[in-house]
Each structure stands twice: as C-alpha cells, then as structure tokens.
Amino acid sequence: MLNNFLIKRFKLKSEKASGFTLIEMIVVIGILGLIMPVIFTVIFGIVREQIKIFRLSQIKEEGDFVLNTIGNTIRGNVVSIHDSSPPDDTNQICDVVGASTPTTLLYFLDKSSNWLGYGLSNNQVASYSASFASPPMNLTSSKTIISNFKISCQKLAVYSGATIILSFDICYNTGANSCDSSRPEETATLHYQTRIKLRNF
C-alpha cells in the first residue's frame, strides 16, 4: 500500500514537470526578444567591418602597385620629361630650374630612346608606350576608381635631377563607376602622394 502511494505521487510529480507553464513561456520569449536584436546588431556590425577591410585592402594593393610601378620604371631609366608625344626637343619640360603645371599625363624618354607615359584614362591609371597597341595598358582594375590624378615635374637646381610629383585618390568601385555606398561606413578611399627623384636626368 505504501508502495502504491509512492508510485502515484511520483507519477503526479512527473506529469507536472513534463511541460512549461504560461509564465515560464512568457519569460523565455521576453528574454529572447531582448537578446536577439543585440546578437543581430553585433553580427551585422562584424560583417560591415569585414566588407570595409576587404575594400581598403583592395584599394591599398592597387594604389601601392601604381606607385611602385611608376617609381621603379622612371627612377633609374628616364633621361627627359615631355608634355606631349612623341617626345622630342620641342616638347621637353623640366630641363631648366622651375616647376611644371600639374597635368593628367606626362611622357618620358628612357636611356634606350624609347618613350613611355603615365596618365589618367577612364578613371584608371594608364601606362602609355610606343610599344603598346592602342588603347593604353591600365595599371588599376575596374574594382577601383582613380580621381584627382595629378602628375608634374620640378627641377630645383641647375645641376640636380628633376623630381616627379605624383598624387591621386583611389576608392572602391561600388557599381556604376561610383564610390558612394548606401552605407557611408563601407566607403573606402585612400589618398596617395609621392615624389620620385630621377637619377639619370
């Protein structure tokens, strides 16, 4: 008899513990309602930061490539600077003390008497050369947009070489040749500026 009583009590407790009460359900839903927006905000913030980091790494890679390519090509090879092509004595600039007016395209003559140039073409930095077929070869990709591109030269003393002054802004192309994004925090833009001293000028 005692055993039967204990068995009935155990069954009764088991039946009561098998479900949640209405109050427990309301409390759980309320806690989830408070926590879930915070979790989604954190996740979306991390995703946005990853997008910006990716875009910045892309434009930094291409901007560094432009500076290194132009700098390494003209630093040790160029013997004269020109403002039009084909380069000759009539369009040579920076052969006397003074500075040239900033432009979007300069031409150079190298030690082998080959000419090349660097400038802006359709929002891209382009390399021009006598050995290239038209159009010029772009140094940046369609993933980026170049703006405010300026290239000029300066000679500070009679017996010193000329210096090339190069500056440009580079941004990530978010579509339709635009750097603007619906989220300003995802906009990625860098400014580059350098001076390249010519050794053989």
Protein backbone atom coordinates (compact mmCIF):
# COMPACT_ATOMS: atom_id res chain seq x y z
CA MET A 1 0.00 0.00 0.00
CA LEU A 2 2.83 2.34 0.82
CA ASN A 3 4.44 1.39 -2.46
CA ASN A 4 1.26 2.21 -4.38
CA PHE A 5 1.05 5.60 -2.67
CA LEU A 6 4.67 6.45 -3.55
CA ILE A 7 4.20 5.36 -7.15
CA LYS A 8 1.12 7.59 -7.52
CA ARG A 9 3.00 10.56 -6.01
CA PHE A 10 5.95 10.04 -8.38
CA LYS A 11 3.62 9.86 -11.41
CA LEU A 12 1.86 13.02 -10.30
CA LYS A 13 5.16 14.93 -9.99
CA SER A 14 6.35 13.60 -13.35
CA GLU A 15 3.19 14.79 -15.06
CA LYS A 16 3.56 18.26 -13.54
CA ALA A 17 7.23 18.56 -14.55
CA SER A 18 6.72 17.45 -18.14
CA GLY A 19 5.62 20.91 -19.53
CA PHE A 20 6.23 24.65 -19.19
CA THR A 21 3.80 26.94 -17.53
CA LEU A 22 2.44 30.01 -19.34
CA ILE A 23 4.52 32.34 -17.15
CA GLU A 24 7.71 30.45 -17.95
CA MET A 25 6.97 30.67 -21.68
CA ILE A 26 6.33 34.44 -21.47
CA VAL A 27 9.60 34.99 -19.56
CA VAL A 28 11.60 32.98 -22.13
CA ILE A 29 10.03 34.85 -25.06
CA GLY A 30 10.71 38.19 -23.35
CA ILE A 31 14.38 37.33 -22.77
CA LEU A 32 14.80 36.16 -26.36
CA GLY A 33 13.12 39.37 -27.58
CA LEU A 34 15.74 41.40 -25.70
CA ILE A 35 18.79 39.31 -26.65
CA MET A 36 18.16 38.62 -30.36
CA PRO A 37 18.36 42.28 -31.58
CA VAL A 38 21.67 42.67 -29.74
CA ILE A 39 23.06 39.49 -31.35
CA PHE A 40 21.95 40.56 -34.86
CA THR A 41 23.42 44.06 -34.35
CA VAL A 42 26.79 42.57 -33.39
CA ILE A 43 26.75 40.14 -36.34
CA PHE A 44 25.82 42.85 -38.88
CA GLY A 45 28.50 45.16 -37.42
CA ILE A 46 31.15 42.47 -37.89
CA VAL A 47 30.01 41.83 -41.48
CA ARG A 48 30.15 45.56 -42.31
CA GLU A 49 33.66 45.85 -40.83
CA GLN A 50 34.82 42.86 -42.89
CA ILE A 51 33.43 44.48 -46.06
CA LYS A 52 35.30 47.73 -45.32
CA ILE A 53 38.54 45.87 -44.51
CA PHE A 54 38.28 43.95 -47.80
CA ARG A 55 37.66 47.13 -49.80
CA LEU A 56 40.51 49.00 -48.10
CA SER A 57 42.91 46.12 -48.75
CA GLN A 58 41.88 46.08 -52.42
CA ILE A 59 42.46 49.81 -52.99
CA LYS A 60 45.70 49.78 -50.96
CA GLU A 61 47.03 46.90 -53.04
CA GLU A 62 46.27 48.70 -56.31
CA GLY A 63 47.47 52.10 -55.06
CA ASP A 64 50.78 50.64 -53.88
CA PHE A 65 51.16 48.85 -57.22
CA VAL A 66 50.71 52.12 -59.14
CA LEU A 67 53.30 53.97 -57.03
CA ASN A 68 55.84 51.13 -57.17
CA THR A 69 55.41 50.58 -60.92
CA ILE A 70 55.73 54.25 -61.87
CA GLY A 71 58.51 54.90 -59.37
CA ASN A 72 60.64 51.88 -60.31
CA THR A 73 60.16 52.40 -64.06
CA ILE A 74 61.10 56.05 -64.30
CA ARG A 75 63.50 56.46 -61.36
CA GLY A 76 66.52 54.82 -62.97
CA ASN A 77 65.61 54.87 -66.68
CA VAL A 78 64.25 58.29 -67.63
CA VAL A 79 66.56 60.87 -69.25
CA SER A 80 63.99 63.52 -70.26
CA ILE A 81 60.40 64.59 -69.50
CA HIS A 82 57.87 65.78 -72.08
CA ASP A 83 54.33 67.15 -72.12
CA SER A 84 53.25 65.51 -75.40
CA SER A 85 54.12 62.59 -77.66
CA PRO A 86 56.19 61.65 -79.47
CA PRO A 87 58.80 63.12 -77.11
CA ASP A 88 61.34 65.43 -78.76
CA ASP A 89 63.30 68.61 -78.04
CA THR A 90 60.33 70.87 -78.75
CA ASN A 91 58.09 69.46 -76.00
CA GLN A 92 60.70 68.79 -73.31
CA ILE A 93 59.91 70.21 -69.86
CA CYS A 94 61.74 70.46 -66.52
CA ASP A 95 65.09 70.82 -68.27
CA VAL A 96 65.59 74.19 -66.55
CA VAL A 97 65.02 75.26 -62.96
CA GLY A 98 61.32 75.62 -62.18
CA ALA A 99 58.17 73.59 -61.87
CA SER A 100 55.71 72.33 -64.46
CA THR A 101 51.96 72.78 -64.24
CA PRO A 102 50.22 69.68 -62.82
CA THR A 103 48.56 67.66 -65.58
CA THR A 104 46.92 64.26 -66.05
CA LEU A 105 49.55 62.90 -68.47
CA LEU A 106 53.34 63.12 -68.83
CA TYR A 107 55.69 61.39 -71.27
CA PHE A 108 59.24 60.23 -70.68
CA LEU A 109 62.20 59.21 -72.82
CA ASP A 110 64.39 56.43 -71.41
CA LYS A 111 68.07 55.55 -71.88
CA SER A 112 67.25 53.36 -74.89
CA SER A 113 65.38 56.25 -76.60
CA ASN A 114 62.03 54.53 -76.06
CA TRP A 115 59.17 56.68 -74.85
CA LEU A 116 56.53 55.91 -72.24
CA GLY A 117 53.94 57.87 -70.38
CA TYR A 118 51.64 57.72 -67.36
CA GLY A 119 48.27 59.36 -67.05
CA LEU A 120 44.58 59.08 -66.34
CA SER A 121 42.31 57.18 -68.75
CA ASN A 122 38.62 56.50 -67.97
CA ASN A 123 39.11 56.74 -64.18
CA GLN A 124 42.11 54.36 -64.34
CA VAL A 125 45.86 54.98 -64.16
CA ALA A 126 47.20 54.01 -67.58
CA SER A 127 50.64 53.32 -68.98
CA TYR A 128 51.34 54.63 -72.50
CA SER A 129 54.24 53.38 -74.58
CA ALA A 130 55.47 53.33 -78.16
CA SER A 131 55.50 49.53 -77.96
CA PHE A 132 51.85 49.27 -76.80
CA ALA A 133 48.99 48.94 -79.18
CA SER A 134 46.12 51.34 -78.61
CA PRO A 135 44.46 51.62 -76.09
CA PRO A 136 46.96 52.10 -73.25
CA MET A 137 47.51 49.45 -70.57
CA ASN A 138 45.66 50.11 -67.30
CA LEU A 139 47.60 49.75 -64.05
CA THR A 140 44.41 49.61 -61.96
CA SER A 141 41.37 47.37 -62.27
CA SER A 142 37.67 48.10 -62.68
CA LYS A 143 37.25 47.39 -58.94
CA THR A 144 38.73 50.80 -58.17
CA ILE A 145 38.25 54.37 -59.37
CA ILE A 146 41.04 56.95 -59.62
CA SER A 147 40.26 60.63 -59.15
CA ASN A 148 42.25 63.87 -58.69
CA PHE A 149 45.18 62.37 -60.61
CA LYS A 150 47.97 64.93 -60.97
CA ILE A 151 51.49 64.46 -62.28
CA SER A 152 54.08 67.20 -62.66
CA CYS A 153 57.83 67.72 -62.51
CA GLN A 154 60.18 70.12 -60.79
CA LYS A 155 63.86 70.96 -61.08
CA LEU A 156 65.23 72.74 -58.03
CA ALA A 157 68.83 73.41 -59.12
CA VAL A 158 70.81 73.57 -62.36
CA TYR A 159 72.96 70.51 -61.60
CA SER A 160 70.33 68.41 -59.85
CA GLY A 161 67.95 65.92 -61.39
CA ALA A 162 64.27 66.57 -61.84
CA THR A 163 61.63 65.31 -59.43
CA ILE A 164 58.27 63.86 -60.47
CA ILE A 165 55.37 64.81 -58.18
CA LEU A 166 52.50 62.33 -58.34
CA SER A 167 49.22 62.37 -56.40
CA PHE A 168 45.83 60.71 -56.74
CA ASP A 169 42.82 59.44 -54.80
CA ILE A 170 41.72 55.84 -55.14
CA CYS A 171 38.38 54.43 -53.99
CA TYR A 172 36.48 51.15 -54.22
CA ASN A 173 34.02 50.98 -57.12
CA THR A 174 30.62 50.17 -55.58
CA GLY A 175 28.97 50.00 -59.02
CA ALA A 176 28.13 52.26 -61.96
CA ASN A 177 31.56 53.95 -61.67
CA SER A 178 30.72 55.39 -58.27
CA CYS A 179 32.47 55.24 -54.91
CA ASP A 180 29.33 56.10 -52.96
CA SER A 181 27.69 53.41 -50.85
CA SER A 182 24.26 53.26 -49.24
CA ARG A 183 26.19 52.75 -46.00
CA PRO A 184 28.81 55.50 -45.51
CA GLU A 185 30.79 53.26 -43.16
CA GLU A 186 31.50 50.90 -46.09
CA THR A 187 33.04 53.64 -48.27
CA ALA A 188 36.76 53.04 -48.80
CA THR A 189 39.05 55.82 -50.10
CA LEU A 190 42.79 56.47 -49.83
CA HIS A 191 44.96 59.41 -50.90
CA TYR A 192 48.42 58.83 -52.39
CA GLN A 193 51.17 61.37 -52.89
CA THR A 194 54.85 60.83 -53.67
CA ARG A 195 57.95 62.49 -55.10
CA ILE A 196 60.21 60.47 -57.42
CA LYS A 197 63.78 61.70 -57.85
CA LEU A 198 65.20 60.93 -61.31
CA ARG A 199 68.79 59.65 -61.29
CA ASN A 200 69.71 59.98 -64.96
CA PHE A 201 68.09 63.30 -65.78
